[in-house]
Amino acid sequence: MKEQFINSVLRCMQASLNNAQLVQLRDVLHQHMTNVNLTSIADGLVPSDELSSEKLLALFLDAKRVEGCSEKTVRYYETTLRKMVSSISIAVTEIRTEDLRTYLSEYRQRTDCSKANIDNLRRIFSSFFSWLEDEDYILKSPVRRIHKIKSEKQVK
């Protein structure tokens, strides 16, 4: 089962890596998979200790509470992130920049909200994915490549 998982990863990375890098990746996977138990699910093989999106979201919200965010802010983060996760419907650890850009674009069209509102969503996503990166659940935040959304400022 581990060999099947490793081969699946290598096939996915084939377009991005050269042959020497694929060999190195295979060796690293073999080395680090010795103590990992795998279970089979409908979508394929995944490490059995992998955390669900729901669990990662709960851990993030707990971290925000510990940091001193108000309960109102935590609820806003939770609502915003749950909508995004359910709309994109893939594991948060697998979300890419393109997924988030599409979500933000569709959200803006669907709700006809302001650019400032979209930037608020981007900042919440940035906080969440930066936390995932800091905690080593993901390698790199997909929000890094989504820049601040400029909005018109009112002149007083």
N, C-alpha and C. Protein backbone atom coordinates (compact mmCIF):
# COMPACT_ATOMS: atom_id res chain seq x y z
N MET A 1 0.82 -1.19 0.00
CA MET A 1 0.00 0.00 0.00
C MET A 1 0.87 1.26 0.00
N LYS A 2 1.98 1.24 0.73
CA LYS A 2 2.89 2.38 0.76
C LYS A 2 3.50 2.62 -0.61
N GLU A 3 3.87 1.53 -1.27
CA GLU A 3 4.47 1.66 -2.61
C GLU A 3 3.48 2.29 -3.58
N GLN A 4 2.22 1.92 -3.46
CA GLN A 4 1.17 2.47 -4.30
C GLN A 4 1.04 3.98 -4.05
N PHE A 5 1.09 4.38 -2.79
CA PHE A 5 1.01 5.79 -2.42
C PHE A 5 2.21 6.57 -2.98
N ILE A 6 3.40 6.02 -2.82
CA ILE A 6 4.62 6.68 -3.31
C ILE A 6 4.56 6.83 -4.83
N ASN A 7 4.14 5.79 -5.52
CA ASN A 7 4.03 5.86 -6.98
C ASN A 7 3.00 6.90 -7.42
N SER A 8 1.93 7.02 -6.67
CA SER A 8 0.91 8.02 -6.97
C SER A 8 1.48 9.44 -6.84
N VAL A 9 2.24 9.67 -5.78
CA VAL A 9 2.87 10.98 -5.57
C VAL A 9 3.86 11.27 -6.70
N LEU A 10 4.65 10.29 -7.06
CA LEU A 10 5.64 10.47 -8.12
C LEU A 10 4.97 10.79 -9.46
N ARG A 11 3.85 10.12 -9.75
CA ARG A 11 3.13 10.42 -10.99
C ARG A 11 2.61 11.86 -10.99
N CYS A 12 2.12 12.32 -9.85
CA CYS A 12 1.61 13.69 -9.75
C CYS A 12 2.71 14.72 -9.93
N MET A 13 3.92 14.39 -9.50
CA MET A 13 5.03 15.34 -9.54
C MET A 13 5.85 15.25 -10.82
N GLN A 14 5.55 14.29 -11.68
CA GLN A 14 6.33 14.05 -12.88
C GLN A 14 6.46 15.28 -13.78
N ALA A 15 5.39 16.06 -13.90
CA ALA A 15 5.42 17.23 -14.77
C ALA A 15 6.24 18.37 -14.19
N SER A 16 6.44 18.36 -12.88
CA SER A 16 7.13 19.47 -12.21
C SER A 16 8.60 19.21 -11.91
N LEU A 17 9.00 17.95 -11.88
CA LEU A 17 10.36 17.59 -11.48
C LEU A 17 11.09 16.87 -12.60
N ASN A 18 12.42 17.03 -12.63
CA ASN A 18 13.21 16.26 -13.60
C ASN A 18 13.46 14.86 -13.02
N ASN A 19 14.12 13.99 -13.79
CA ASN A 19 14.31 12.60 -13.36
C ASN A 19 15.14 12.48 -12.09
N ALA A 20 16.19 13.27 -11.97
CA ALA A 20 17.03 13.22 -10.77
C ALA A 20 16.24 13.64 -9.53
N GLN A 21 15.40 14.65 -9.69
CA GLN A 21 14.58 15.10 -8.57
C GLN A 21 13.52 14.07 -8.20
N LEU A 22 12.97 13.39 -9.21
CA LEU A 22 12.00 12.33 -8.93
C LEU A 22 12.63 11.17 -8.17
N VAL A 23 13.85 10.82 -8.54
CA VAL A 23 14.56 9.75 -7.83
C VAL A 23 14.81 10.16 -6.38
N GLN A 24 15.22 11.40 -6.19
CA GLN A 24 15.47 11.89 -4.83
C GLN A 24 14.17 11.92 -4.03
N LEU A 25 13.07 12.36 -4.64
CA LEU A 25 11.77 12.38 -3.97
C LEU A 25 11.36 10.97 -3.58
N ARG A 26 11.54 10.01 -4.49
CA ARG A 26 11.19 8.61 -4.18
C ARG A 26 11.98 8.11 -2.98
N ASP A 27 13.28 8.40 -2.95
CA ASP A 27 14.12 7.96 -1.84
C ASP A 27 13.68 8.60 -0.51
N VAL A 28 13.37 9.88 -0.56
CA VAL A 28 12.93 10.58 0.65
C VAL A 28 11.60 10.02 1.14
N LEU A 29 10.68 9.77 0.20
CA LEU A 29 9.38 9.20 0.58
C LEU A 29 9.56 7.82 1.22
N HIS A 30 10.39 6.99 0.61
CA HIS A 30 10.65 5.67 1.19
C HIS A 30 11.21 5.80 2.60
N GLN A 31 12.15 6.72 2.77
CA GLN A 31 12.80 6.91 4.07
C GLN A 31 11.80 7.36 5.13
N HIS A 32 10.93 8.31 4.77
CA HIS A 32 10.02 8.89 5.76
C HIS A 32 8.71 8.12 5.92
N MET A 33 8.45 7.19 5.06
CA MET A 33 7.21 6.44 5.13
C MET A 33 7.35 5.15 5.95
N THR A 34 8.53 4.88 6.49
CA THR A 34 8.73 3.62 7.19
C THR A 34 7.81 3.47 8.40
N ASN A 35 7.53 4.56 9.10
CA ASN A 35 6.70 4.48 10.31
C ASN A 35 5.29 5.04 10.12
N VAL A 36 4.86 5.18 8.87
CA VAL A 36 3.54 5.73 8.59
C VAL A 36 2.59 4.60 8.21
N ASN A 37 1.42 4.62 8.84
CA ASN A 37 0.38 3.66 8.48
C ASN A 37 -0.57 4.32 7.50
N LEU A 38 -0.94 3.61 6.45
CA LEU A 38 -1.85 4.14 5.45
C LEU A 38 -3.19 3.43 5.53
N THR A 39 -4.25 4.20 5.26
CA THR A 39 -5.57 3.60 5.16
C THR A 39 -6.14 3.95 3.80
N SER A 40 -7.00 3.12 3.30
CA SER A 40 -7.60 3.35 1.99
C SER A 40 -8.94 4.05 2.16
N ILE A 41 -9.15 5.10 1.37
CA ILE A 41 -10.44 5.78 1.34
C ILE A 41 -10.91 5.86 -0.10
N ALA A 42 -12.10 6.35 -0.32
CA ALA A 42 -12.69 6.37 -1.67
C ALA A 42 -11.81 7.12 -2.67
N ASP A 43 -11.18 8.21 -2.25
CA ASP A 43 -10.37 9.01 -3.16
C ASP A 43 -8.99 8.41 -3.40
N GLY A 44 -8.55 7.48 -2.59
CA GLY A 44 -7.23 6.90 -2.74
C GLY A 44 -6.59 6.69 -1.39
N LEU A 45 -5.27 6.66 -1.37
CA LEU A 45 -4.54 6.40 -0.15
C LEU A 45 -4.11 7.70 0.50
N VAL A 46 -4.27 7.78 1.81
CA VAL A 46 -3.81 8.95 2.55
C VAL A 46 -3.21 8.47 3.86
N PRO A 47 -2.27 9.21 4.42
CA PRO A 47 -1.76 8.85 5.73
C PRO A 47 -2.90 8.86 6.75
N SER A 48 -3.00 7.84 7.58
CA SER A 48 -4.11 7.74 8.51
C SER A 48 -4.06 8.80 9.60
N ASP A 49 -2.89 9.42 9.83
CA ASP A 49 -2.81 10.46 10.86
C ASP A 49 -3.02 11.86 10.29
N GLU A 50 -3.39 11.95 9.02
CA GLU A 50 -3.62 13.26 8.40
C GLU A 50 -4.85 13.90 9.03
N LEU A 51 -4.75 15.19 9.34
CA LEU A 51 -5.84 15.90 9.97
C LEU A 51 -6.84 16.38 8.93
N SER A 52 -8.11 16.32 9.28
CA SER A 52 -9.15 16.79 8.37
C SER A 52 -9.18 18.31 8.33
N SER A 53 -9.81 18.84 7.31
CA SER A 53 -9.98 20.29 7.19
C SER A 53 -10.72 20.83 8.41
N GLU A 54 -11.71 20.09 8.85
CA GLU A 54 -12.50 20.50 10.02
C GLU A 54 -11.64 20.61 11.27
N LYS A 55 -10.78 19.62 11.47
CA LYS A 55 -9.90 19.61 12.63
C LYS A 55 -8.87 20.74 12.56
N LEU A 56 -8.31 20.97 11.38
CA LEU A 56 -7.35 22.06 11.21
C LEU A 56 -8.00 23.41 11.46
N LEU A 57 -9.23 23.57 11.01
CA LEU A 57 -9.95 24.82 11.25
C LEU A 57 -10.18 25.03 12.74
N ALA A 58 -10.56 23.97 13.44
CA ALA A 58 -10.78 24.06 14.89
C ALA A 58 -9.48 24.42 15.62
N LEU A 59 -8.37 23.83 15.20
CA LEU A 59 -7.08 24.15 15.82
C LEU A 59 -6.69 25.61 15.57
N PHE A 60 -6.95 26.10 14.35
CA PHE A 60 -6.66 27.49 14.01
C PHE A 60 -7.49 28.44 14.88
N LEU A 61 -8.78 28.15 15.02
CA LEU A 61 -9.65 29.01 15.81
C LEU A 61 -9.22 29.01 17.28
N ASP A 62 -8.80 27.86 17.77
CA ASP A 62 -8.27 27.80 19.15
C ASP A 62 -7.02 28.66 19.28
N ALA A 63 -6.16 28.63 18.27
CA ALA A 63 -4.94 29.45 18.30
C ALA A 63 -5.30 30.93 18.32
N LYS A 64 -6.32 31.32 17.57
CA LYS A 64 -6.76 32.73 17.55
C LYS A 64 -7.30 33.14 18.92
N ARG A 65 -8.02 32.24 19.57
CA ARG A 65 -8.52 32.55 20.92
C ARG A 65 -7.36 32.75 21.89
N VAL A 66 -6.37 31.87 21.80
CA VAL A 66 -5.19 31.96 22.67
C VAL A 66 -4.44 33.27 22.42
N GLU A 67 -4.39 33.70 21.15
CA GLU A 67 -3.72 34.95 20.80
C GLU A 67 -4.46 36.18 21.32
N GLY A 68 -5.70 36.00 21.78
CA GLY A 68 -6.45 37.11 22.34
C GLY A 68 -7.48 37.73 21.42
N CYS A 69 -7.79 37.09 20.32
CA CYS A 69 -8.83 37.63 19.44
C CYS A 69 -10.18 37.53 20.16
N SER A 70 -11.03 38.52 19.90
CA SER A 70 -12.35 38.52 20.52
C SER A 70 -13.19 37.37 19.96
N GLU A 71 -14.20 36.97 20.71
CA GLU A 71 -15.06 35.87 20.27
C GLU A 71 -15.80 36.26 18.99
N LYS A 72 -16.13 37.54 18.84
CA LYS A 72 -16.78 38.02 17.62
C LYS A 72 -15.85 37.84 16.41
N THR A 73 -14.58 38.16 16.57
CA THR A 73 -13.60 37.99 15.49
C THR A 73 -13.45 36.51 15.15
N VAL A 74 -13.35 35.67 16.16
CA VAL A 74 -13.20 34.23 15.95
C VAL A 74 -14.40 33.68 15.19
N ARG A 75 -15.61 34.12 15.56
CA ARG A 75 -16.83 33.68 14.84
C ARG A 75 -16.80 34.14 13.38
N TYR A 76 -16.35 35.37 13.14
CA TYR A 76 -16.24 35.89 11.77
C TYR A 76 -15.25 35.05 10.96
N TYR A 77 -14.09 34.75 11.56
CA TYR A 77 -13.09 33.89 10.90
C TYR A 77 -13.72 32.53 10.59
N GLU A 78 -14.40 31.96 11.57
CA GLU A 78 -14.97 30.63 11.40
C GLU A 78 -16.00 30.61 10.27
N THR A 79 -16.92 31.57 10.27
CA THR A 79 -17.95 31.63 9.24
C THR A 79 -17.33 31.78 7.85
N THR A 80 -16.39 32.70 7.74
CA THR A 80 -15.73 32.98 6.46
C THR A 80 -14.99 31.75 5.95
N LEU A 81 -14.22 31.11 6.83
CA LEU A 81 -13.42 29.95 6.42
C LEU A 81 -14.30 28.74 6.11
N ARG A 82 -15.37 28.54 6.87
CA ARG A 82 -16.27 27.42 6.59
C ARG A 82 -16.94 27.57 5.23
N LYS A 83 -17.35 28.80 4.89
CA LYS A 83 -17.96 29.04 3.57
C LYS A 83 -16.96 28.71 2.46
N MET A 84 -15.71 29.15 2.65
CA MET A 84 -14.69 28.91 1.65
C MET A 84 -14.41 27.41 1.51
N VAL A 85 -14.25 26.72 2.63
CA VAL A 85 -13.93 25.29 2.60
C VAL A 85 -15.07 24.50 1.96
N SER A 86 -16.30 24.82 2.29
CA SER A 86 -17.43 24.08 1.71
C SER A 86 -17.61 24.40 0.23
N SER A 87 -17.30 25.62 -0.17
CA SER A 87 -17.43 26.00 -1.57
C SER A 87 -16.35 25.35 -2.44
N ILE A 88 -15.12 25.35 -1.95
CA ILE A 88 -14.02 24.77 -2.73
C ILE A 88 -14.07 23.25 -2.66
N SER A 89 -14.50 22.71 -1.55
CA SER A 89 -14.74 21.27 -1.33
C SER A 89 -13.56 20.35 -1.63
N ILE A 90 -12.35 20.81 -1.29
CA ILE A 90 -11.19 19.93 -1.24
C ILE A 90 -10.48 20.20 0.08
N ALA A 91 -9.62 19.31 0.50
CA ALA A 91 -8.92 19.47 1.77
C ALA A 91 -8.14 20.78 1.77
N VAL A 92 -8.14 21.48 2.90
CA VAL A 92 -7.45 22.77 2.98
C VAL A 92 -5.96 22.63 2.68
N THR A 93 -5.40 21.49 2.96
CA THR A 93 -3.97 21.28 2.69
C THR A 93 -3.69 21.12 1.20
N GLU A 94 -4.75 20.95 0.40
CA GLU A 94 -4.60 20.77 -1.05
C GLU A 94 -5.02 22.00 -1.85
N ILE A 95 -5.52 23.03 -1.17
CA ILE A 95 -6.00 24.22 -1.85
C ILE A 95 -4.84 24.97 -2.48
N ARG A 96 -5.05 25.43 -3.72
CA ARG A 96 -4.03 26.17 -4.47
C ARG A 96 -4.46 27.62 -4.64
N THR A 97 -3.52 28.44 -5.06
CA THR A 97 -3.79 29.86 -5.28
C THR A 97 -4.95 30.05 -6.26
N GLU A 98 -4.98 29.27 -7.31
CA GLU A 98 -6.02 29.39 -8.32
C GLU A 98 -7.40 29.12 -7.73
N ASP A 99 -7.49 28.16 -6.81
CA ASP A 99 -8.76 27.85 -6.15
C ASP A 99 -9.28 29.07 -5.38
N LEU A 100 -8.37 29.71 -4.66
CA LEU A 100 -8.76 30.87 -3.86
C LEU A 100 -9.13 32.07 -4.74
N ARG A 101 -8.37 32.28 -5.80
CA ARG A 101 -8.70 33.38 -6.71
C ARG A 101 -10.08 33.17 -7.33
N THR A 102 -10.35 31.96 -7.74
CA THR A 102 -11.66 31.64 -8.31
C THR A 102 -12.76 31.87 -7.28
N TYR A 103 -12.52 31.41 -6.06
CA TYR A 103 -13.52 31.59 -5.00
C TYR A 103 -13.79 33.07 -4.77
N LEU A 104 -12.74 33.88 -4.65
CA LEU A 104 -12.91 35.31 -4.40
C LEU A 104 -13.64 35.99 -5.55
N SER A 105 -13.31 35.62 -6.77
CA SER A 105 -13.96 36.19 -7.94
C SER A 105 -15.45 35.83 -7.97
N GLU A 106 -15.75 34.56 -7.76
CA GLU A 106 -17.15 34.12 -7.76
C GLU A 106 -17.92 34.73 -6.60
N TYR A 107 -17.27 34.85 -5.45
CA TYR A 107 -17.91 35.46 -4.27
C TYR A 107 -18.28 36.90 -4.58
N ARG A 108 -17.37 37.62 -5.21
CA ARG A 108 -17.62 39.04 -5.53
C ARG A 108 -18.78 39.16 -6.51
N GLN A 109 -18.84 38.30 -7.51
CA GLN A 109 -19.94 38.34 -8.48
C GLN A 109 -21.26 37.95 -7.82
N ARG A 110 -21.22 36.94 -6.97
CA ARG A 110 -22.43 36.42 -6.35
C ARG A 110 -23.03 37.41 -5.35
N THR A 111 -22.17 38.08 -4.57
CA THR A 111 -22.66 38.95 -3.50
C THR A 111 -22.64 40.42 -3.87
N ASP A 112 -21.95 40.77 -4.95
CA ASP A 112 -21.81 42.16 -5.37
C ASP A 112 -21.28 43.03 -4.22
N CYS A 113 -20.28 42.52 -3.52
CA CYS A 113 -19.71 43.24 -2.38
C CYS A 113 -18.55 44.14 -2.84
N SER A 114 -18.05 44.92 -1.92
CA SER A 114 -17.00 45.88 -2.24
C SER A 114 -15.63 45.20 -2.32
N LYS A 115 -14.69 45.92 -2.89
CA LYS A 115 -13.31 45.43 -2.95
C LYS A 115 -12.73 45.31 -1.54
N ALA A 116 -13.13 46.21 -0.65
CA ALA A 116 -12.65 46.15 0.74
C ALA A 116 -13.11 44.86 1.41
N ASN A 117 -14.34 44.44 1.13
CA ASN A 117 -14.85 43.19 1.69
C ASN A 117 -14.05 42.00 1.17
N ILE A 118 -13.74 41.99 -0.12
CA ILE A 118 -12.95 40.91 -0.71
C ILE A 118 -11.55 40.89 -0.09
N ASP A 119 -10.98 42.07 0.15
CA ASP A 119 -9.66 42.12 0.78
C ASP A 119 -9.72 41.60 2.21
N ASN A 120 -10.83 41.84 2.92
CA ASN A 120 -11.00 41.27 4.27
C ASN A 120 -10.96 39.74 4.21
N LEU A 121 -11.66 39.18 3.21
CA LEU A 121 -11.64 37.72 3.05
C LEU A 121 -10.22 37.25 2.77
N ARG A 122 -9.52 37.95 1.89
CA ARG A 122 -8.14 37.59 1.55
C ARG A 122 -7.26 37.60 2.79
N ARG A 123 -7.45 38.60 3.65
CA ARG A 123 -6.63 38.68 4.87
C ARG A 123 -6.94 37.54 5.83
N ILE A 124 -8.20 37.15 5.92
CA ILE A 124 -8.57 36.00 6.77
C ILE A 124 -7.94 34.73 6.21
N PHE A 125 -8.03 34.54 4.90
CA PHE A 125 -7.41 33.37 4.27
C PHE A 125 -5.90 33.39 4.51
N SER A 126 -5.31 34.57 4.39
CA SER A 126 -3.87 34.70 4.60
C SER A 126 -3.49 34.30 6.02
N SER A 127 -4.27 34.73 6.99
CA SER A 127 -4.00 34.38 8.38
C SER A 127 -4.08 32.87 8.58
N PHE A 128 -5.13 32.25 8.03
CA PHE A 128 -5.33 30.81 8.17
C PHE A 128 -4.22 30.01 7.51
N PHE A 129 -3.92 30.33 6.25
CA PHE A 129 -2.91 29.56 5.53
C PHE A 129 -1.50 29.84 6.04
N SER A 130 -1.24 31.04 6.53
CA SER A 130 0.06 31.32 7.15
C SER A 130 0.21 30.50 8.42
N TRP A 131 -0.87 30.37 9.18
CA TRP A 131 -0.84 29.55 10.38
C TRP A 131 -0.57 28.08 10.00
N LEU A 132 -1.26 27.58 8.96
CA LEU A 132 -1.01 26.21 8.51
C LEU A 132 0.45 26.02 8.11
N GLU A 133 1.01 27.03 7.45
CA GLU A 133 2.41 26.97 7.05
C GLU A 133 3.33 26.99 8.27
N ASP A 134 3.07 27.89 9.21
CA ASP A 134 3.89 28.00 10.42
C ASP A 134 3.86 26.72 11.25
N GLU A 135 2.71 26.05 11.24
CA GLU A 135 2.54 24.81 12.02
C GLU A 135 2.95 23.57 11.23
N ASP A 136 3.50 23.77 10.02
CA ASP A 136 3.99 22.68 9.16
C ASP A 136 2.91 21.72 8.67
N TYR A 137 1.69 22.23 8.48
CA TYR A 137 0.65 21.41 7.86
C TYR A 137 0.71 21.54 6.34
N ILE A 138 1.23 22.67 5.85
CA ILE A 138 1.44 22.87 4.42
C ILE A 138 2.84 23.44 4.23
N LEU A 139 3.36 23.31 3.00
CA LEU A 139 4.70 23.82 2.72
C LEU A 139 4.70 25.33 2.48
N LYS A 140 3.70 25.80 1.73
CA LYS A 140 3.67 27.21 1.37
C LYS A 140 2.22 27.68 1.26
N SER A 141 1.96 28.84 1.81
CA SER A 141 0.61 29.39 1.78
C SER A 141 0.21 29.75 0.36
N PRO A 142 -0.97 29.29 -0.09
CA PRO A 142 -1.43 29.65 -1.43
C PRO A 142 -1.86 31.11 -1.54
N VAL A 143 -1.99 31.80 -0.41
CA VAL A 143 -2.43 33.19 -0.42
C VAL A 143 -1.26 34.14 -0.70
N ARG A 144 -0.03 33.65 -0.57
CA ARG A 144 1.14 34.51 -0.79
C ARG A 144 1.11 35.24 -2.12
N ARG A 145 0.58 34.60 -3.14
CA ARG A 145 0.58 35.19 -4.48
C ARG A 145 -0.66 36.02 -4.76
N ILE A 146 -1.55 36.13 -3.79
CA ILE A 146 -2.73 36.97 -3.95
C ILE A 146 -2.43 38.28 -3.22
N HIS A 147 -2.28 39.35 -3.98
CA HIS A 147 -1.88 40.62 -3.40
C HIS A 147 -3.08 41.39 -2.85
N LYS A 148 -2.76 42.39 -2.05
CA LYS A 148 -3.78 43.26 -1.48
C LYS A 148 -4.68 43.78 -2.59
N ILE A 149 -5.96 43.82 -2.30
CA ILE A 149 -6.93 44.29 -3.28
C ILE A 149 -7.17 45.77 -3.02
N LYS A 150 -6.84 46.56 -4.00
CA LYS A 150 -6.95 48.02 -3.84
C LYS A 150 -8.42 48.43 -3.92
N SER A 151 -8.78 49.33 -3.02
CA SER A 151 -10.13 49.88 -3.05
C SER A 151 -10.04 51.39 -3.05
N GLU A 152 -11.12 52.00 -3.49
CA GLU A 152 -11.13 53.46 -3.55
C GLU A 152 -11.20 54.03 -2.14
N LYS A 153 -10.39 55.04 -1.89
CA LYS A 153 -10.42 55.69 -0.57
C LYS A 153 -11.23 56.96 -0.69
N GLN A 154 -12.03 57.21 0.30
CA GLN A 154 -12.82 58.43 0.31
C GLN A 154 -11.95 59.59 0.77
N VAL A 155 -12.04 60.69 0.05
CA VAL A 155 -11.31 61.89 0.43
C VAL A 155 -12.19 62.69 1.38
N LYS A 156 -11.64 63.05 2.51
CA LYS A 156 -12.41 63.79 3.51
C LYS A 156 -12.28 65.27 3.32
